[in-house]
Structures are given as structure tokens and as C-alpha cells.
Amino acid sequence: MMRAARKCRPHDLIQWIKSNDERRSLSEGRRAGATMTDNVTLERGKPEQRAALDALAQLYMHDFNDFLEPDAKLDVDEDGRFKDDIGLESYWTRPENSVWFIRADSKLAGFALLDKVTRSGQPADFNMAQFFVSRAYRGREVASRAVVAILDAHPGQWEIAIMLRNVPALRFWPRAVALARISGLETLADEAGKTKRRLLRFVAG
């Protein structure tokens, strides 16, 4: 069941986030001794980089287990690896899908997978299917700067789905998208199925 969208005033929301949440997040990171990474860049994935994406996806699924229901936890196969429930190959072969590697000071730090499949059922030019930054680069603004770079490079209608059990993501995504040039921000509550999600829809660019 999809609850009605709640329209936000983008200017008010963005200003509130920038003046409160982001500032508090940055100060907390500095108190914890976090070091800001100098250079965050995006790199369009190439099919010959399948092994790199496969390896990063293993780390992603390991961390993602923390937010799954007890009866939905991911198990490793006999080879010690998680099964590919993401469908990684489709991001290499389908023209509407794409793989983006995130680099921090030229080092591989994570990935983003884009497609057009939305949970709201409404059309979108881009859906953030999967997004991951490895633990070594968290708390260093790598993730938020990568999000801004991705949105700036992909103008159009966006949708991002966030699991309600993933509390860090619920805090992160509104702050991150507010740093980019967006408009028409709205939220929807996706209550279909066992996994509840919050959906962000907006126009980038």
C-alpha cells in the first residue's frame, strides 16, 4: 500500500538541513577524529571491472545484513560468498542501467547502481538501486559528495527508496540530496509487503 505523497517545501527543508543536520554531522565527525577526503570522483564502470564490483558487493551485502529482519538474513554459500541477489549482471548489460565506481583520493571506495525501476510505480529517469561506501571512507564526507556528483551528472526525475530499518540511511539521504541542485522534493511511505520503506522523489538539475 502506497500512502499519499507529502509535499515538502524544498527551500525550507534544504536550508534547515544545511544549517542544522549537516553542520552537526560534520562537527561530530571532526570530534571523532574523522579526516575529510580531498578528492571524491565518479568513474563509469566498464564490463572488464566486473570482479571489482563483485568484490565490493560482497562487502555491501555483509553490511546490509544488519538491517534485515531476522528471518531475511543473507547466508553465505559453500564457497563463503553471498549469492548475487542484486542481479549485478543486469547493470552491465541493460542499456538503461549503469555502474558507477566511487573513488576517494583515486582509491576505490564504493559504488552506485542506477536503473529506472521505482517502488512507487511512478516513472523516473533514474532510481538509486544500490549505493555503497566502504567503512574506511565513512564519516569523511565521501558518501555525500558522491551523491552530489551523481545527481549533478544525471539531471531528471529521481527516486530513492530507503528501508525504515536502516536508520543511518534515513538520516543520510535527505541530508545528502539537499546538498545537490534539486527541486520538487516529496516523500512517500511504501508499506507494500513486509519491508517498509520511505521514498524520496525529486528532480535533479
Protein backbone atom coordinates (compact mmCIF):
# COMPACT_ATOMS: atom_id res chain seq x y z
CA MET A 1 0.00 0.00 0.00
CA MET A 2 1.40 3.38 -1.03
CA ARG A 3 0.44 6.29 1.20
CA ALA A 4 -0.16 9.68 -0.38
CA ALA A 5 2.86 11.84 -1.03
CA ARG A 6 3.76 14.54 1.43
CA LYS A 7 4.94 17.62 -0.42
CA CYS A 8 7.92 19.40 1.12
CA ARG A 9 8.97 22.97 0.63
CA PRO A 10 12.38 22.30 -0.90
CA HIS A 11 13.89 25.64 0.09
CA ASP A 12 12.81 25.36 3.72
CA LEU A 13 13.90 21.74 4.01
CA ILE A 14 17.25 22.30 2.34
CA GLN A 15 18.06 25.34 4.44
CA TRP A 16 17.10 23.55 7.64
CA ILE A 17 19.26 20.55 6.78
CA LYS A 18 22.24 22.65 5.78
CA SER A 19 22.08 24.82 8.89
CA ASN A 20 21.41 22.04 11.39
CA ASP A 21 21.84 18.39 10.39
CA GLU A 22 24.82 18.77 8.09
CA ARG A 23 26.64 21.13 10.46
CA ARG A 24 26.02 18.79 13.40
CA SER A 25 27.12 15.78 11.37
CA LEU A 26 30.35 17.48 10.32
CA SER A 27 31.15 18.62 13.85
CA GLU A 28 30.51 15.14 15.21
CA GLY A 29 32.81 13.70 12.56
CA ARG A 30 35.56 16.12 13.48
CA ARG A 31 35.17 15.34 17.19
CA ALA A 32 35.53 11.67 16.36
CA GLY A 33 38.78 12.41 14.54
CA ALA A 34 37.41 11.93 11.02
CA THR A 35 39.56 13.24 8.19
CA MET A 36 37.89 14.73 5.14
CA THR A 37 38.98 13.15 1.88
CA ASP A 38 40.45 15.68 -0.54
CA ASN A 39 39.07 14.36 -3.82
CA VAL A 40 35.92 12.34 -4.49
CA THR A 41 35.27 11.31 -8.09
CA LEU A 42 32.95 9.09 -10.10
CA GLU A 43 34.07 6.56 -12.68
CA ARG A 44 31.67 4.90 -15.12
CA GLY A 45 32.08 1.18 -14.68
CA LYS A 46 33.33 -0.92 -17.56
CA PRO A 47 32.46 -4.60 -18.12
CA GLU A 48 36.08 -5.60 -17.52
CA GLN A 49 35.62 -4.29 -13.95
CA ARG A 50 33.07 -6.97 -13.07
CA ALA A 51 35.41 -8.51 -10.49
CA ALA A 52 35.79 -5.20 -8.66
CA LEU A 53 32.01 -4.72 -8.45
CA ASP A 54 31.53 -8.34 -7.34
CA ALA A 55 34.03 -7.86 -4.52
CA LEU A 56 32.50 -4.58 -3.34
CA ALA A 57 29.02 -6.10 -3.50
CA GLN A 58 30.16 -8.79 -1.05
CA LEU A 59 31.11 -6.08 1.45
CA TYR A 60 27.81 -4.32 0.79
CA MET A 61 25.71 -7.43 1.44
CA HIS A 62 27.68 -8.18 4.61
CA ASP A 63 26.88 -4.71 5.97
CA PHE A 64 23.30 -4.74 4.66
CA ASN A 65 22.54 -7.81 6.78
CA ASP A 66 22.44 -5.53 9.84
CA PHE A 67 19.17 -4.00 8.60
CA LEU A 68 17.28 -7.12 7.56
CA GLU A 69 14.60 -8.91 9.53
CA PRO A 70 15.92 -11.98 11.43
CA ASP A 71 14.16 -14.36 9.04
CA ALA A 72 15.50 -12.49 6.00
CA LYS A 73 19.21 -12.51 6.85
CA LEU A 74 21.57 -13.36 3.99
CA ASP A 75 23.61 -16.55 4.29
CA VAL A 76 26.85 -17.31 2.50
CA ASP A 77 27.09 -20.26 0.13
CA GLU A 78 29.56 -23.11 0.48
CA ASP A 79 32.23 -21.04 -1.26
CA GLY A 80 31.98 -18.47 1.55
CA ARG A 81 30.37 -15.82 -0.64
CA PHE A 82 26.93 -14.25 -0.65
CA LYS A 83 24.67 -15.17 -3.53
CA ASP A 84 24.11 -12.36 -6.02
CA ASP A 85 20.59 -11.28 -5.08
CA ILE A 86 21.21 -7.85 -6.61
CA GLY A 87 21.40 -9.06 -10.20
CA LEU A 88 24.73 -7.40 -10.90
CA GLU A 89 24.97 -8.65 -14.46
CA SER A 90 21.91 -6.62 -15.48
CA TYR A 91 23.76 -3.42 -14.62
CA TRP A 92 26.39 -4.29 -17.21
CA THR A 93 24.04 -5.48 -19.94
CA ARG A 94 20.87 -3.38 -19.84
CA PRO A 95 21.22 -0.01 -21.58
CA GLU A 96 19.02 1.80 -19.04
CA ASN A 97 21.19 0.59 -16.14
CA SER A 98 24.64 1.80 -15.17
CA VAL A 99 27.50 1.13 -12.78
CA TRP A 100 29.41 3.96 -11.15
CA PHE A 101 32.50 3.47 -9.02
CA ILE A 102 33.22 5.98 -6.27
CA ARG A 103 36.86 6.91 -5.75
CA ALA A 104 38.34 8.80 -2.81
CA ASP A 105 41.77 10.26 -3.50
CA SER A 106 41.90 7.88 -6.51
CA LYS A 107 41.25 4.80 -4.33
CA LEU A 108 38.23 2.60 -4.88
CA ALA A 109 35.76 3.49 -2.13
CA GLY A 110 32.33 2.25 -3.23
CA PHE A 111 29.75 2.07 -6.00
CA ALA A 112 26.33 3.22 -7.13
CA LEU A 113 23.95 1.21 -9.32
CA LEU A 114 21.34 3.14 -11.29
CA ASP A 115 18.23 1.89 -13.06
CA LYS A 116 14.68 3.09 -13.77
CA VAL A 117 12.74 0.62 -11.59
CA THR A 118 10.71 2.53 -8.99
CA ARG A 119 8.85 1.24 -5.96
CA SER A 120 6.27 3.99 -6.20
CA GLY A 121 5.12 2.84 -9.63
CA GLN A 122 5.62 6.37 -10.91
CA PRO A 123 8.05 6.99 -13.78
CA ALA A 124 11.57 8.20 -13.11
CA ASP A 125 14.61 8.86 -15.22
CA PHE A 126 16.85 7.43 -12.50
CA ASN A 127 16.43 5.18 -9.49
CA MET A 128 19.23 4.69 -6.97
CA ALA A 129 19.05 0.91 -6.92
CA GLN A 130 22.10 0.35 -4.71
CA PHE A 131 24.63 2.67 -3.07
CA PHE A 132 27.66 1.67 -1.02
CA VAL A 133 30.71 3.32 0.52
CA SER A 134 33.15 1.07 2.36
CA ARG A 135 33.67 1.54 6.08
CA ALA A 136 37.12 3.04 5.71
CA TYR A 137 35.57 6.07 3.99
CA ARG A 138 32.50 6.64 6.16
CA GLY A 139 32.37 9.78 8.27
CA ARG A 140 34.67 11.54 5.80
CA GLU A 141 32.01 13.12 3.56
CA VAL A 142 32.81 10.69 0.75
CA ALA A 143 29.24 9.39 0.51
CA SER A 144 27.52 12.78 0.49
CA ARG A 145 29.94 14.23 -2.04
CA ALA A 146 29.48 11.17 -4.25
CA VAL A 147 25.70 11.62 -4.12
CA VAL A 148 26.01 15.25 -5.19
CA ALA A 149 28.28 14.26 -8.07
CA ILE A 150 25.87 11.54 -9.20
CA LEU A 151 22.84 13.85 -9.11
CA ASP A 152 24.69 16.64 -10.88
CA ALA A 153 25.69 14.21 -13.63
CA HIS A 154 22.15 12.83 -14.05
CA PRO A 155 19.57 15.62 -14.32
CA GLY A 156 15.96 14.49 -14.35
CA GLN A 157 13.33 12.80 -12.21
CA TRP A 158 14.79 10.67 -9.40
CA GLU A 159 13.51 8.16 -6.88
CA ILE A 160 15.40 6.76 -3.88
CA ALA A 161 13.93 4.04 -1.64
CA ILE A 162 15.13 3.77 1.97
CA MET A 163 14.34 0.86 4.29
CA LEU A 164 12.83 2.05 7.57
CA ARG A 165 15.03 -0.43 9.46
CA ASN A 166 18.11 1.27 8.00
CA VAL A 167 18.20 4.20 10.41
CA PRO A 168 21.60 5.55 9.25
CA ALA A 169 20.26 5.71 5.68
CA LEU A 170 17.11 7.51 6.83
CA ARG A 171 19.34 10.20 8.30
CA PHE A 172 21.83 10.26 5.44
CA TRP A 173 19.72 10.52 2.29
CA PRO A 174 17.67 13.67 3.00
CA ARG A 175 20.85 15.49 4.02
CA ALA A 176 22.81 14.28 1.01
CA VAL A 177 20.24 15.13 -1.68
CA ALA A 178 19.69 18.55 -0.10
CA LEU A 179 23.31 19.41 -0.91
CA ALA A 180 22.63 18.96 -4.64
CA ARG A 181 20.63 21.12 -7.03
CA ILE A 182 17.16 19.58 -6.66
CA SER A 183 13.55 20.70 -6.76
CA GLY A 184 10.10 19.26 -6.20
CA LEU A 185 11.15 17.09 -3.26
CA GLU A 186 8.40 14.84 -1.93
CA THR A 187 8.25 11.76 0.28
CA LEU A 188 6.04 8.70 0.09
CA ALA A 189 5.55 5.83 2.50
CA ASP A 190 5.88 2.44 0.83
CA GLU A 191 4.02 -0.02 3.04
CA ALA A 192 3.60 -2.79 0.50
CA GLY A 193 4.98 -6.11 1.64
CA LYS A 194 6.92 -6.91 4.79
CA THR A 195 9.72 -4.38 4.22
CA LYS A 196 8.59 -0.82 4.84
CA ARG A 197 10.36 1.99 3.01
CA ARG A 198 10.43 5.74 2.71
CA LEU A 199 10.65 7.03 -0.85
CA LEU A 200 12.25 10.29 -1.91
CA ARG A 201 11.23 11.73 -5.26
CA PHE A 202 12.70 14.91 -6.71
CA VAL A 203 14.09 16.49 -9.84
CA ALA A 204 17.86 16.94 -10.10
CA GLY A 205 19.42 19.70 -12.14
